[in-house]
Amino acid sequence: MSGADLIFVRELLKQFGTFIYTGERLDDLVLMELELQDLFEYKMISDEDYMKAKLILSKTKRELEE
């Protein structure tokens, strides 16, 4: 997964004033997933953006865990 894909997720969250950086990449990804879930549940982001971001985060987490 390219860094540009992860930038999409960070920029999406930044639109809502959310900046996540813990110093631990895996922890960042988990927190991003939680934030995305909340935004989606409150209908603040589209289904398409949510699914794209979820896929990016899932693939990135899988790569880090390997």
N, C-alpha and C. Protein backbone atom coordinates (compact mmCIF):
# COMPACT_ATOMS: atom_id res chain seq x y z
N MET A 1 0.86 -1.17 0.00
CA MET A 1 0.00 0.00 0.00
C MET A 1 0.90 1.23 0.00
N SER A 2 0.62 2.13 -0.88
CA SER A 2 1.48 3.31 -0.99
C SER A 2 1.14 4.34 0.08
N GLY A 3 2.10 5.19 0.35
CA GLY A 3 1.89 6.26 1.30
C GLY A 3 0.80 7.23 0.84
N ALA A 4 0.66 7.36 -0.49
CA ALA A 4 -0.36 8.25 -1.04
C ALA A 4 -1.75 7.79 -0.65
N ASP A 5 -1.95 6.48 -0.57
CA ASP A 5 -3.25 5.96 -0.16
C ASP A 5 -3.56 6.35 1.28
N LEU A 6 -2.57 6.23 2.13
CA LEU A 6 -2.78 6.58 3.54
C LEU A 6 -3.01 8.08 3.69
N ILE A 7 -2.42 8.87 2.82
CA ILE A 7 -2.64 10.31 2.84
C ILE A 7 -4.12 10.61 2.59
N PHE A 8 -4.76 9.83 1.71
CA PHE A 8 -6.20 10.01 1.48
C PHE A 8 -6.97 9.91 2.79
N VAL A 9 -6.64 8.92 3.61
CA VAL A 9 -7.34 8.72 4.88
C VAL A 9 -7.04 9.87 5.83
N ARG A 10 -5.78 10.26 5.93
CA ARG A 10 -5.41 11.37 6.82
C ARG A 10 -6.11 12.67 6.41
N GLU A 11 -6.16 12.93 5.10
CA GLU A 11 -6.82 14.14 4.60
C GLU A 11 -8.33 14.10 4.85
N LEU A 12 -8.92 12.93 4.71
CA LEU A 12 -10.35 12.77 4.98
C LEU A 12 -10.63 13.10 6.44
N LEU A 13 -9.83 12.56 7.34
CA LEU A 13 -10.03 12.83 8.77
C LEU A 13 -9.74 14.30 9.10
N LYS A 14 -8.75 14.87 8.43
CA LYS A 14 -8.37 16.26 8.70
C LYS A 14 -9.51 17.21 8.37
N GLN A 15 -10.36 16.84 7.42
CA GLN A 15 -11.52 17.68 7.08
C GLN A 15 -12.44 17.90 8.29
N PHE A 16 -12.36 16.98 9.24
CA PHE A 16 -13.20 17.05 10.43
C PHE A 16 -12.39 17.43 11.68
N GLY A 17 -11.19 17.92 11.46
CA GLY A 17 -10.35 18.37 12.57
C GLY A 17 -9.67 17.26 13.33
N THR A 18 -9.57 16.09 12.71
CA THR A 18 -8.96 14.94 13.39
C THR A 18 -7.55 14.72 12.87
N PHE A 19 -6.58 14.81 13.78
CA PHE A 19 -5.18 14.56 13.46
C PHE A 19 -4.71 13.46 14.40
N ILE A 20 -4.25 12.36 13.83
CA ILE A 20 -3.85 11.21 14.66
C ILE A 20 -2.37 10.93 14.44
N TYR A 21 -1.61 11.01 15.55
CA TYR A 21 -0.21 10.62 15.51
C TYR A 21 0.20 10.24 16.92
N THR A 22 0.43 8.94 17.12
CA THR A 22 0.84 8.46 18.43
C THR A 22 2.32 8.10 18.48
N GLY A 23 2.94 8.00 17.31
CA GLY A 23 4.32 7.56 17.24
C GLY A 23 4.41 6.07 16.95
N GLU A 24 3.30 5.38 17.03
CA GLU A 24 3.22 3.96 16.72
C GLU A 24 2.27 3.79 15.54
N ARG A 25 2.79 3.35 14.42
CA ARG A 25 1.98 3.32 13.19
C ARG A 25 0.74 2.43 13.32
N LEU A 26 0.90 1.27 13.92
CA LEU A 26 -0.25 0.37 14.07
C LEU A 26 -1.33 0.99 14.96
N ASP A 27 -0.92 1.65 16.03
CA ASP A 27 -1.89 2.33 16.90
C ASP A 27 -2.60 3.45 16.15
N ASP A 28 -1.85 4.17 15.32
CA ASP A 28 -2.46 5.23 14.50
C ASP A 28 -3.55 4.65 13.61
N LEU A 29 -3.28 3.52 13.00
CA LEU A 29 -4.25 2.90 12.10
C LEU A 29 -5.52 2.48 12.83
N VAL A 30 -5.35 1.94 14.03
CA VAL A 30 -6.51 1.53 14.84
C VAL A 30 -7.36 2.75 15.20
N LEU A 31 -6.71 3.83 15.63
CA LEU A 31 -7.45 5.04 15.98
C LEU A 31 -8.14 5.65 14.76
N MET A 32 -7.49 5.58 13.61
CA MET A 32 -8.11 6.09 12.38
C MET A 32 -9.36 5.28 12.05
N GLU A 33 -9.29 3.97 12.22
CA GLU A 33 -10.46 3.12 11.96
C GLU A 33 -11.62 3.49 12.87
N LEU A 34 -11.33 3.72 14.13
CA LEU A 34 -12.38 4.09 15.09
C LEU A 34 -13.01 5.43 14.72
N GLU A 35 -12.18 6.38 14.33
CA GLU A 35 -12.69 7.70 13.96
C GLU A 35 -13.53 7.61 12.69
N LEU A 36 -13.07 6.83 11.72
CA LEU A 36 -13.83 6.64 10.48
C LEU A 36 -15.20 6.03 10.77
N GLN A 37 -15.22 5.05 11.65
CA GLN A 37 -16.47 4.40 12.02
C GLN A 37 -17.46 5.40 12.58
N ASP A 38 -16.98 6.27 13.46
CA ASP A 38 -17.85 7.29 14.04
C ASP A 38 -18.38 8.24 12.96
N LEU A 39 -17.50 8.70 12.09
CA LEU A 39 -17.92 9.62 11.02
C LEU A 39 -18.96 8.97 10.12
N PHE A 40 -18.77 7.69 9.84
CA PHE A 40 -19.71 6.97 8.99
C PHE A 40 -21.05 6.78 9.68
N GLU A 41 -21.03 6.42 10.94
CA GLU A 41 -22.27 6.20 11.69
C GLU A 41 -23.11 7.47 11.78
N TYR A 42 -22.43 8.62 11.86
CA TYR A 42 -23.14 9.90 11.95
C TYR A 42 -23.39 10.51 10.57
N LYS A 43 -23.17 9.69 9.51
CA LYS A 43 -23.45 10.10 8.13
C LYS A 43 -22.69 11.36 7.72
N MET A 44 -21.47 11.48 8.20
CA MET A 44 -20.66 12.64 7.87
C MET A 44 -19.75 12.39 6.67
N ILE A 45 -19.56 11.12 6.32
CA ILE A 45 -18.78 10.77 5.14
C ILE A 45 -19.61 9.81 4.28
N SER A 46 -19.29 9.80 3.01
CA SER A 46 -20.04 8.96 2.07
C SER A 46 -19.68 7.49 2.25
N ASP A 47 -20.56 6.63 1.77
CA ASP A 47 -20.29 5.19 1.78
C ASP A 47 -19.01 4.90 1.02
N GLU A 48 -18.85 5.57 -0.12
CA GLU A 48 -17.67 5.33 -0.98
C GLU A 48 -16.38 5.71 -0.26
N ASP A 49 -16.35 6.89 0.37
CA ASP A 49 -15.14 7.31 1.08
C ASP A 49 -14.86 6.38 2.26
N TYR A 50 -15.91 5.97 2.94
CA TYR A 50 -15.74 5.07 4.09
C TYR A 50 -15.14 3.73 3.64
N MET A 51 -15.70 3.15 2.59
CA MET A 51 -15.21 1.86 2.12
C MET A 51 -13.78 1.96 1.61
N LYS A 52 -13.47 3.03 0.88
CA LYS A 52 -12.11 3.22 0.37
C LYS A 52 -11.12 3.35 1.53
N ALA A 53 -11.46 4.17 2.52
CA ALA A 53 -10.58 4.37 3.66
C ALA A 53 -10.41 3.09 4.47
N LYS A 54 -11.50 2.35 4.67
CA LYS A 54 -11.43 1.08 5.42
C LYS A 54 -10.50 0.09 4.72
N LEU A 55 -10.62 0.02 3.40
CA LEU A 55 -9.78 -0.89 2.62
C LEU A 55 -8.31 -0.49 2.75
N ILE A 56 -8.03 0.78 2.63
CA ILE A 56 -6.65 1.27 2.76
C ILE A 56 -6.09 0.92 4.13
N LEU A 57 -6.86 1.19 5.17
CA LEU A 57 -6.38 0.92 6.53
C LEU A 57 -6.20 -0.58 6.78
N SER A 58 -7.11 -1.40 6.28
CA SER A 58 -7.00 -2.85 6.46
C SER A 58 -5.76 -3.40 5.78
N LYS A 59 -5.53 -2.96 4.56
CA LYS A 59 -4.35 -3.44 3.82
C LYS A 59 -3.07 -2.98 4.48
N THR A 60 -3.06 -1.75 4.93
CA THR A 60 -1.85 -1.20 5.60
C THR A 60 -1.57 -1.95 6.89
N LYS A 61 -2.62 -2.22 7.68
CA LYS A 61 -2.44 -2.99 8.93
C LYS A 61 -1.92 -4.39 8.64
N ARG A 62 -2.47 -5.02 7.63
CA ARG A 62 -2.04 -6.38 7.27
C ARG A 62 -0.56 -6.38 6.88
N GLU A 63 -0.13 -5.39 6.12
CA GLU A 63 1.27 -5.30 5.71
C GLU A 63 2.18 -5.09 6.92
N LEU A 64 1.76 -4.28 7.86
CA LEU A 64 2.58 -4.04 9.05
C LEU A 64 2.68 -5.27 9.94
N GLU A 65 1.64 -6.07 9.97
CA GLU A 65 1.63 -7.25 10.82
C GLU A 65 2.41 -8.42 10.25
N GLU A 66 2.75 -8.34 8.96
CA GLU A 66 3.49 -9.44 8.33
C GLU A 66 4.96 -9.38 8.65
